[in-house]
Amino acid sequence: MSLIEVSPGQLDLVVHGPGATATSVRFFNWSRADEYETVFSVETLAEGVRARLEDVTVTVWDDMGEFFDGLARDFRGWEGERTWTNNHLVVTASFGSGGHVYLSWTVRSGFFPEDWKCTVTTVIEAGEGMTVVAAELKAFLAQG
């Protein structure tokens, strides 16, 4: 995970698993539509796959930060899958062996069957790794 200042006051967030060729998800081009909405771009990268959406809107009621805080708090694991969703971004989390969280990130152009979508999965260490992801995602969403 890396939170990068690309210009004064402008942050990019990259979430990736271990290894030089790991799958990654990048959040960038942050802006605030109003006091309730944040707009940003998302790009997913995996071997042979790249998908990008320019305008993903997250509201204060979407509780994206709270979703990730909950994953970090439950570092001992959970059963099944947990999902956070909005019109263009879906995050599904499952707890796996060895104390790792599998985050499947789906970017989609819409929610109709004919719209395109792309899903990539990052593997994050439960505990400290998820705590860092949650904190950096909240910092990205709150910038400005």
N, C-alpha and C. Protein backbone atom coordinates (compact mmCIF):
# COMPACT_ATOMS: atom_id res chain seq x y z
N MET A 1 0.85 -1.15 0.00
CA MET A 1 0.00 0.00 0.00
C MET A 1 0.90 1.22 0.00
N SER A 2 0.49 2.21 -0.74
CA SER A 2 1.25 3.44 -0.71
C SER A 2 0.33 4.62 -0.96
N LEU A 3 0.48 5.60 -0.13
CA LEU A 3 -0.22 6.85 -0.27
C LEU A 3 0.82 7.84 -0.75
N ILE A 4 0.62 8.39 -1.93
CA ILE A 4 1.63 9.20 -2.59
C ILE A 4 1.09 10.60 -2.80
N GLU A 5 1.86 11.61 -2.40
CA GLU A 5 1.48 12.98 -2.68
C GLU A 5 2.00 13.34 -4.06
N VAL A 6 1.09 13.53 -5.01
CA VAL A 6 1.48 13.79 -6.40
C VAL A 6 1.63 15.29 -6.68
N SER A 7 1.00 16.11 -5.88
CA SER A 7 1.17 17.55 -5.91
C SER A 7 0.74 18.05 -4.54
N PRO A 8 1.07 19.28 -4.18
CA PRO A 8 0.69 19.75 -2.84
C PRO A 8 -0.80 19.56 -2.57
N GLY A 9 -1.11 18.77 -1.54
CA GLY A 9 -2.48 18.53 -1.15
C GLY A 9 -3.23 17.51 -1.99
N GLN A 10 -2.60 16.91 -2.99
CA GLN A 10 -3.26 15.92 -3.85
C GLN A 10 -2.61 14.56 -3.67
N LEU A 11 -3.41 13.58 -3.18
CA LEU A 11 -2.89 12.25 -2.89
C LEU A 11 -3.41 11.22 -3.87
N ASP A 12 -2.56 10.25 -4.19
CA ASP A 12 -2.95 9.04 -4.91
C ASP A 12 -2.78 7.88 -3.94
N LEU A 13 -3.61 6.87 -4.06
CA LEU A 13 -3.50 5.68 -3.23
C LEU A 13 -3.38 4.47 -4.13
N VAL A 14 -2.38 3.63 -3.86
CA VAL A 14 -2.20 2.38 -4.59
C VAL A 14 -2.27 1.25 -3.57
N VAL A 15 -3.19 0.32 -3.79
CA VAL A 15 -3.32 -0.87 -2.95
C VAL A 15 -2.82 -2.04 -3.78
N HIS A 16 -1.83 -2.75 -3.25
CA HIS A 16 -1.28 -3.89 -3.99
C HIS A 16 -0.82 -4.96 -3.02
N GLY A 17 -0.77 -6.14 -3.53
CA GLY A 17 -0.28 -7.26 -2.74
C GLY A 17 1.23 -7.33 -2.82
N PRO A 18 1.82 -8.37 -2.25
CA PRO A 18 3.27 -8.52 -2.26
C PRO A 18 3.80 -8.87 -3.65
N GLY A 19 5.03 -8.51 -3.91
CA GLY A 19 5.69 -8.87 -5.16
C GLY A 19 5.71 -7.74 -6.17
N ALA A 20 6.71 -7.78 -7.03
CA ALA A 20 6.91 -6.72 -8.02
C ALA A 20 5.81 -6.70 -9.08
N THR A 21 5.23 -7.84 -9.39
CA THR A 21 4.20 -7.90 -10.44
C THR A 21 2.80 -8.11 -9.85
N ALA A 22 2.61 -7.68 -8.62
CA ALA A 22 1.34 -7.90 -7.93
C ALA A 22 0.21 -7.10 -8.57
N THR A 23 -0.97 -7.63 -8.42
CA THR A 23 -2.18 -6.95 -8.82
C THR A 23 -2.31 -5.67 -7.99
N SER A 24 -2.82 -4.61 -8.61
CA SER A 24 -2.96 -3.36 -7.86
C SER A 24 -4.24 -2.62 -8.25
N VAL A 25 -4.65 -1.75 -7.34
CA VAL A 25 -5.78 -0.86 -7.55
C VAL A 25 -5.31 0.53 -7.18
N ARG A 26 -5.50 1.47 -8.08
CA ARG A 26 -5.04 2.85 -7.85
C ARG A 26 -6.23 3.79 -7.81
N PHE A 27 -6.27 4.64 -6.78
CA PHE A 27 -7.26 5.69 -6.62
C PHE A 27 -6.56 7.02 -6.87
N PHE A 28 -7.10 7.87 -7.74
CA PHE A 28 -6.43 9.13 -8.08
C PHE A 28 -7.44 10.15 -8.60
N ASN A 29 -6.98 11.33 -8.94
CA ASN A 29 -7.82 12.43 -9.44
C ASN A 29 -8.97 12.75 -8.49
N TRP A 30 -8.66 12.83 -7.21
CA TRP A 30 -9.64 13.12 -6.18
C TRP A 30 -10.20 14.53 -6.35
N SER A 31 -11.50 14.68 -6.12
CA SER A 31 -12.12 16.01 -6.03
C SER A 31 -13.36 15.89 -5.14
N ARG A 32 -13.77 17.01 -4.62
CA ARG A 32 -14.97 17.04 -3.79
C ARG A 32 -16.07 17.69 -4.60
N ALA A 33 -17.16 16.95 -4.84
CA ALA A 33 -18.30 17.50 -5.57
C ALA A 33 -19.05 18.50 -4.69
N ASP A 34 -19.22 18.14 -3.42
CA ASP A 34 -19.84 19.02 -2.42
C ASP A 34 -19.47 18.44 -1.06
N GLU A 35 -20.09 18.92 -0.01
CA GLU A 35 -19.71 18.45 1.32
C GLU A 35 -20.08 16.99 1.58
N TYR A 36 -20.88 16.39 0.71
CA TYR A 36 -21.32 15.01 0.91
C TYR A 36 -20.73 14.01 -0.07
N GLU A 37 -20.17 14.48 -1.18
CA GLU A 37 -19.70 13.58 -2.24
C GLU A 37 -18.24 13.81 -2.58
N THR A 38 -17.54 12.69 -2.74
CA THR A 38 -16.16 12.69 -3.22
C THR A 38 -16.16 11.96 -4.56
N VAL A 39 -15.42 12.51 -5.51
CA VAL A 39 -15.32 11.92 -6.85
C VAL A 39 -13.85 11.62 -7.10
N PHE A 40 -13.56 10.44 -7.66
CA PHE A 40 -12.18 10.08 -7.97
C PHE A 40 -12.16 9.08 -9.12
N SER A 41 -10.97 8.82 -9.63
CA SER A 41 -10.77 7.82 -10.66
C SER A 41 -10.20 6.56 -10.03
N VAL A 42 -10.49 5.41 -10.65
CA VAL A 42 -9.97 4.12 -10.18
C VAL A 42 -9.38 3.39 -11.37
N GLU A 43 -8.22 2.78 -11.14
CA GLU A 43 -7.58 1.97 -12.18
C GLU A 43 -7.16 0.65 -11.55
N THR A 44 -7.50 -0.47 -12.21
CA THR A 44 -7.08 -1.79 -11.74
C THR A 44 -6.06 -2.35 -12.72
N LEU A 45 -5.05 -3.00 -12.17
CA LEU A 45 -4.00 -3.60 -12.99
C LEU A 45 -3.73 -5.02 -12.52
N ALA A 46 -3.67 -5.93 -13.46
CA ALA A 46 -3.27 -7.31 -13.21
C ALA A 46 -2.57 -7.78 -14.47
N GLU A 47 -1.97 -8.93 -14.41
CA GLU A 47 -1.25 -9.43 -15.58
C GLU A 47 -2.20 -9.52 -16.78
N GLY A 48 -1.94 -8.71 -17.79
CA GLY A 48 -2.74 -8.72 -19.01
C GLY A 48 -4.05 -7.97 -18.95
N VAL A 49 -4.36 -7.32 -17.82
CA VAL A 49 -5.65 -6.65 -17.65
C VAL A 49 -5.43 -5.25 -17.06
N ARG A 50 -6.13 -4.29 -17.65
CA ARG A 50 -6.13 -2.94 -17.11
C ARG A 50 -7.52 -2.35 -17.36
N ALA A 51 -8.13 -1.83 -16.30
CA ALA A 51 -9.44 -1.19 -16.42
C ALA A 51 -9.39 0.13 -15.67
N ARG A 52 -10.10 1.12 -16.20
CA ARG A 52 -10.06 2.45 -15.61
C ARG A 52 -11.43 3.11 -15.70
N LEU A 53 -11.84 3.72 -14.61
CA LEU A 53 -13.05 4.53 -14.56
C LEU A 53 -12.66 5.93 -14.10
N GLU A 54 -13.18 6.92 -14.77
CA GLU A 54 -12.80 8.31 -14.47
C GLU A 54 -13.57 8.92 -13.31
N ASP A 55 -14.85 8.66 -13.20
CA ASP A 55 -15.67 9.37 -12.21
C ASP A 55 -16.45 8.42 -11.33
N VAL A 56 -15.83 8.00 -10.24
CA VAL A 56 -16.51 7.19 -9.23
C VAL A 56 -16.90 8.14 -8.11
N THR A 57 -18.18 8.15 -7.77
CA THR A 57 -18.67 9.04 -6.71
C THR A 57 -18.99 8.22 -5.47
N VAL A 58 -18.45 8.67 -4.34
CA VAL A 58 -18.72 8.04 -3.05
C VAL A 58 -19.30 9.12 -2.14
N THR A 59 -20.42 8.82 -1.50
CA THR A 59 -21.03 9.78 -0.58
C THR A 59 -20.65 9.44 0.86
N VAL A 60 -20.92 10.38 1.74
CA VAL A 60 -20.65 10.13 3.16
C VAL A 60 -21.52 8.99 3.69
N TRP A 61 -22.65 8.73 3.05
CA TRP A 61 -23.56 7.67 3.49
C TRP A 61 -23.12 6.29 2.99
N ASP A 62 -22.19 6.24 2.04
CA ASP A 62 -21.72 4.96 1.52
C ASP A 62 -20.85 4.20 2.52
N ASP A 63 -20.27 4.90 3.48
CA ASP A 63 -19.48 4.29 4.56
C ASP A 63 -18.33 3.42 4.05
N MET A 64 -17.66 3.84 3.00
CA MET A 64 -16.53 3.07 2.49
C MET A 64 -15.42 2.95 3.53
N GLY A 65 -15.11 4.05 4.21
CA GLY A 65 -14.09 4.02 5.25
C GLY A 65 -14.46 3.09 6.39
N GLU A 66 -15.71 3.09 6.79
CA GLU A 66 -16.18 2.22 7.87
C GLU A 66 -16.09 0.75 7.47
N PHE A 67 -16.37 0.44 6.21
CA PHE A 67 -16.24 -0.93 5.73
C PHE A 67 -14.81 -1.43 5.93
N PHE A 68 -13.83 -0.62 5.53
CA PHE A 68 -12.43 -1.03 5.66
C PHE A 68 -11.98 -1.04 7.12
N ASP A 69 -12.49 -0.12 7.94
CA ASP A 69 -12.19 -0.16 9.37
C ASP A 69 -12.67 -1.47 9.98
N GLY A 70 -13.85 -1.93 9.57
CA GLY A 70 -14.38 -3.19 10.08
C GLY A 70 -13.52 -4.38 9.70
N LEU A 71 -12.98 -4.37 8.48
CA LEU A 71 -12.08 -5.44 8.05
C LEU A 71 -10.81 -5.43 8.90
N ALA A 72 -10.30 -4.24 9.18
CA ALA A 72 -9.08 -4.13 9.99
C ALA A 72 -9.34 -4.58 11.43
N ARG A 73 -10.49 -4.21 11.99
CA ARG A 73 -10.81 -4.60 13.37
C ARG A 73 -10.94 -6.11 13.53
N ASP A 74 -11.43 -6.79 12.50
CA ASP A 74 -11.65 -8.23 12.58
C ASP A 74 -10.46 -9.02 12.06
N PHE A 75 -9.28 -8.67 12.53
CA PHE A 75 -8.04 -9.28 12.04
C PHE A 75 -7.93 -10.76 12.37
N ARG A 76 -8.75 -11.27 13.25
CA ARG A 76 -8.75 -12.71 13.56
C ARG A 76 -9.57 -13.51 12.58
N GLY A 77 -10.29 -12.81 11.71
CA GLY A 77 -11.03 -13.50 10.65
C GLY A 77 -12.53 -13.45 10.81
N TRP A 78 -13.21 -13.93 9.78
CA TRP A 78 -14.65 -14.00 9.73
C TRP A 78 -15.05 -15.07 8.73
N GLU A 79 -16.28 -15.46 8.78
CA GLU A 79 -16.83 -16.46 7.85
C GLU A 79 -17.47 -15.77 6.66
N GLY A 80 -17.36 -16.37 5.51
CA GLY A 80 -18.04 -15.86 4.32
C GLY A 80 -17.40 -14.62 3.73
N GLU A 81 -18.20 -13.90 2.97
CA GLU A 81 -17.72 -12.70 2.30
C GLU A 81 -18.42 -11.47 2.86
N ARG A 82 -17.70 -10.35 2.80
CA ARG A 82 -18.26 -9.05 3.13
C ARG A 82 -18.15 -8.20 1.88
N THR A 83 -19.19 -7.42 1.59
CA THR A 83 -19.20 -6.66 0.35
C THR A 83 -19.58 -5.21 0.60
N TRP A 84 -18.86 -4.31 -0.05
CA TRP A 84 -19.19 -2.89 -0.12
C TRP A 84 -19.44 -2.59 -1.59
N THR A 85 -20.48 -1.81 -1.88
CA THR A 85 -20.79 -1.56 -3.28
C THR A 85 -21.37 -0.18 -3.51
N ASN A 86 -21.10 0.35 -4.70
CA ASN A 86 -21.84 1.49 -5.23
C ASN A 86 -22.02 1.25 -6.72
N ASN A 87 -22.45 2.22 -7.48
CA ASN A 87 -22.77 1.98 -8.89
C ASN A 87 -21.58 1.52 -9.73
N HIS A 88 -20.37 1.97 -9.41
CA HIS A 88 -19.23 1.68 -10.27
C HIS A 88 -18.11 0.89 -9.61
N LEU A 89 -18.19 0.67 -8.33
CA LEU A 89 -17.12 -0.02 -7.61
C LEU A 89 -17.72 -0.99 -6.60
N VAL A 90 -17.21 -2.22 -6.62
CA VAL A 90 -17.63 -3.25 -5.67
C VAL A 90 -16.37 -3.83 -5.05
N VAL A 91 -16.34 -3.92 -3.72
CA VAL A 91 -15.21 -4.53 -3.02
C VAL A 91 -15.77 -5.71 -2.22
N THR A 92 -15.23 -6.90 -2.48
CA THR A 92 -15.63 -8.09 -1.75
C THR A 92 -14.42 -8.59 -0.97
N ALA A 93 -14.60 -8.81 0.32
CA ALA A 93 -13.51 -9.25 1.18
C ALA A 93 -13.81 -10.62 1.75
N SER A 94 -12.79 -11.47 1.73
CA SER A 94 -12.90 -12.78 2.38
C SER A 94 -11.62 -13.02 3.15
N PHE A 95 -11.74 -13.76 4.25
CA PHE A 95 -10.58 -14.06 5.09
C PHE A 95 -10.06 -15.42 4.70
N GLY A 96 -8.78 -15.49 4.43
CA GLY A 96 -8.18 -16.74 3.99
C GLY A 96 -7.15 -17.28 4.95
N SER A 97 -6.61 -18.41 4.58
CA SER A 97 -5.61 -19.07 5.41
C SER A 97 -4.36 -18.21 5.53
N GLY A 98 -3.65 -18.41 6.61
CA GLY A 98 -2.41 -17.68 6.83
C GLY A 98 -2.61 -16.25 7.26
N GLY A 99 -3.83 -15.90 7.66
CA GLY A 99 -4.08 -14.55 8.14
C GLY A 99 -4.05 -13.50 7.05
N HIS A 100 -4.62 -13.81 5.90
CA HIS A 100 -4.66 -12.86 4.79
C HIS A 100 -6.10 -12.52 4.42
N VAL A 101 -6.28 -11.29 3.97
CA VAL A 101 -7.57 -10.83 3.49
C VAL A 101 -7.48 -10.74 1.97
N TYR A 102 -8.43 -11.35 1.30
CA TYR A 102 -8.51 -11.31 -0.16
C TYR A 102 -9.54 -10.25 -0.53
N LEU A 103 -9.07 -9.18 -1.15
CA LEU A 103 -9.93 -8.10 -1.57
C LEU A 103 -10.14 -8.19 -3.07
N SER A 104 -11.36 -8.47 -3.49
CA SER A 104 -11.69 -8.48 -4.92
C SER A 104 -12.32 -7.13 -5.25
N TRP A 105 -11.69 -6.42 -6.18
CA TRP A 105 -12.11 -5.09 -6.59
C TRP A 105 -12.74 -5.21 -7.97
N THR A 106 -14.01 -4.85 -8.08
CA THR A 106 -14.70 -4.86 -9.36
C THR A 106 -15.02 -3.43 -9.75
N VAL A 107 -14.49 -3.00 -10.89
CA VAL A 107 -14.89 -1.72 -11.47
C VAL A 107 -15.84 -2.05 -12.61
N ARG A 108 -16.90 -1.26 -12.73
CA ARG A 108 -17.90 -1.55 -13.75
C ARG A 108 -18.45 -0.25 -14.32
N SER A 109 -18.73 -0.28 -15.60
CA SER A 109 -19.22 0.92 -16.26
C SER A 109 -20.66 1.23 -15.88
N GLY A 110 -21.36 0.28 -15.34
CA GLY A 110 -22.74 0.44 -14.90
C GLY A 110 -23.18 -0.85 -14.26
N PHE A 111 -24.46 -0.99 -14.03
CA PHE A 111 -24.93 -2.20 -13.37
C PHE A 111 -25.89 -3.01 -14.22
N PHE A 112 -25.95 -2.71 -15.52
CA PHE A 112 -26.77 -3.49 -16.44
C PHE A 112 -25.95 -4.62 -17.04
N PRO A 113 -26.58 -5.72 -17.46
CA PRO A 113 -25.84 -6.87 -17.99
C PRO A 113 -24.91 -6.55 -19.16
N GLU A 114 -25.28 -5.58 -20.00
CA GLU A 114 -24.44 -5.27 -21.17
C GLU A 114 -23.27 -4.35 -20.83
N ASP A 115 -23.18 -3.81 -19.62
CA ASP A 115 -22.06 -2.96 -19.22
C ASP A 115 -20.83 -3.81 -18.94
N TRP A 116 -19.66 -3.24 -19.13
CA TRP A 116 -18.43 -4.00 -18.89
C TRP A 116 -18.07 -3.95 -17.41
N LYS A 117 -17.30 -4.94 -16.98
CA LYS A 117 -16.76 -4.95 -15.63
C LYS A 117 -15.44 -5.70 -15.63
N CYS A 118 -14.62 -5.39 -14.65
CA CYS A 118 -13.31 -6.03 -14.49
C CYS A 118 -13.07 -6.23 -13.00
N THR A 119 -12.67 -7.45 -12.63
CA THR A 119 -12.40 -7.76 -11.23
C THR A 119 -10.96 -8.24 -11.09
N VAL A 120 -10.25 -7.65 -10.12
CA VAL A 120 -8.91 -8.09 -9.76
C VAL A 120 -8.89 -8.32 -8.25
N THR A 121 -7.96 -9.14 -7.79
CA THR A 121 -7.88 -9.46 -6.37
C THR A 121 -6.51 -9.13 -5.82
N THR A 122 -6.49 -8.39 -4.71
CA THR A 122 -5.25 -8.13 -3.98
C THR A 122 -5.29 -8.94 -2.69
N VAL A 123 -4.14 -9.36 -2.22
CA VAL A 123 -4.03 -10.12 -0.99
C VAL A 123 -3.29 -9.24 0.02
N ILE A 124 -3.95 -8.97 1.14
CA ILE A 124 -3.43 -8.08 2.17
C ILE A 124 -3.30 -8.85 3.47
N GLU A 125 -2.23 -8.60 4.19
CA GLU A 125 -2.04 -9.24 5.49
C GLU A 125 -3.06 -8.68 6.46
N ALA A 126 -3.77 -9.58 7.16
CA ALA A 126 -4.74 -9.15 8.16
C ALA A 126 -3.99 -8.45 9.29
N GLY A 127 -4.65 -7.68 10.06
CA GLY A 127 -3.98 -6.96 11.14
C GLY A 127 -3.36 -5.68 10.63
N GLU A 128 -2.04 -5.59 10.74
CA GLU A 128 -1.34 -4.36 10.37
C GLU A 128 -1.56 -3.97 8.91
N GLY A 129 -1.53 -4.92 8.00
CA GLY A 129 -1.73 -4.61 6.58
C GLY A 129 -3.09 -4.00 6.32
N MET A 130 -4.16 -4.59 6.87
CA MET A 130 -5.50 -4.04 6.68
C MET A 130 -5.67 -2.73 7.42
N THR A 131 -5.00 -2.57 8.56
CA THR A 131 -5.07 -1.31 9.30
C THR A 131 -4.49 -0.17 8.46
N VAL A 132 -3.37 -0.44 7.79
CA VAL A 132 -2.75 0.56 6.92
C VAL A 132 -3.67 0.88 5.74
N VAL A 133 -4.24 -0.14 5.09
CA VAL A 133 -5.14 0.09 3.96
C VAL A 133 -6.32 0.96 4.41
N ALA A 134 -6.93 0.63 5.54
CA ALA A 134 -8.09 1.39 6.03
C ALA A 134 -7.71 2.84 6.31
N ALA A 135 -6.59 3.06 6.98
CA ALA A 135 -6.17 4.42 7.31
C ALA A 135 -5.84 5.23 6.06
N GLU A 136 -5.14 4.62 5.12
CA GLU A 136 -4.76 5.34 3.92
C GLU A 136 -5.96 5.62 3.01
N LEU A 137 -6.91 4.69 2.96
CA LEU A 137 -8.12 4.94 2.17
C LEU A 137 -8.91 6.10 2.78
N LYS A 138 -9.03 6.14 4.10
CA LYS A 138 -9.74 7.24 4.75
C LYS A 138 -9.02 8.56 4.50
N ALA A 139 -7.68 8.55 4.53
CA ALA A 139 -6.91 9.76 4.24
C ALA A 139 -7.14 10.22 2.80
N PHE A 140 -7.18 9.27 1.87
CA PHE A 140 -7.44 9.61 0.47
C PHE A 140 -8.83 10.25 0.32
N LEU A 141 -9.84 9.64 0.92
CA LEU A 141 -11.21 10.13 0.78
C LEU A 141 -11.40 11.50 1.45
N ALA A 142 -10.64 11.78 2.51
CA ALA A 142 -10.82 13.01 3.30
C ALA A 142 -9.93 14.17 2.86
N GLN A 143 -9.08 13.96 1.87
CA GLN A 143 -8.14 15.03 1.50
C GLN A 143 -8.86 16.27 1.02
N GLY A 144 -8.13 17.34 0.95
CA GLY A 144 -8.71 18.60 0.48
C GLY A 144 -9.01 19.45 1.62
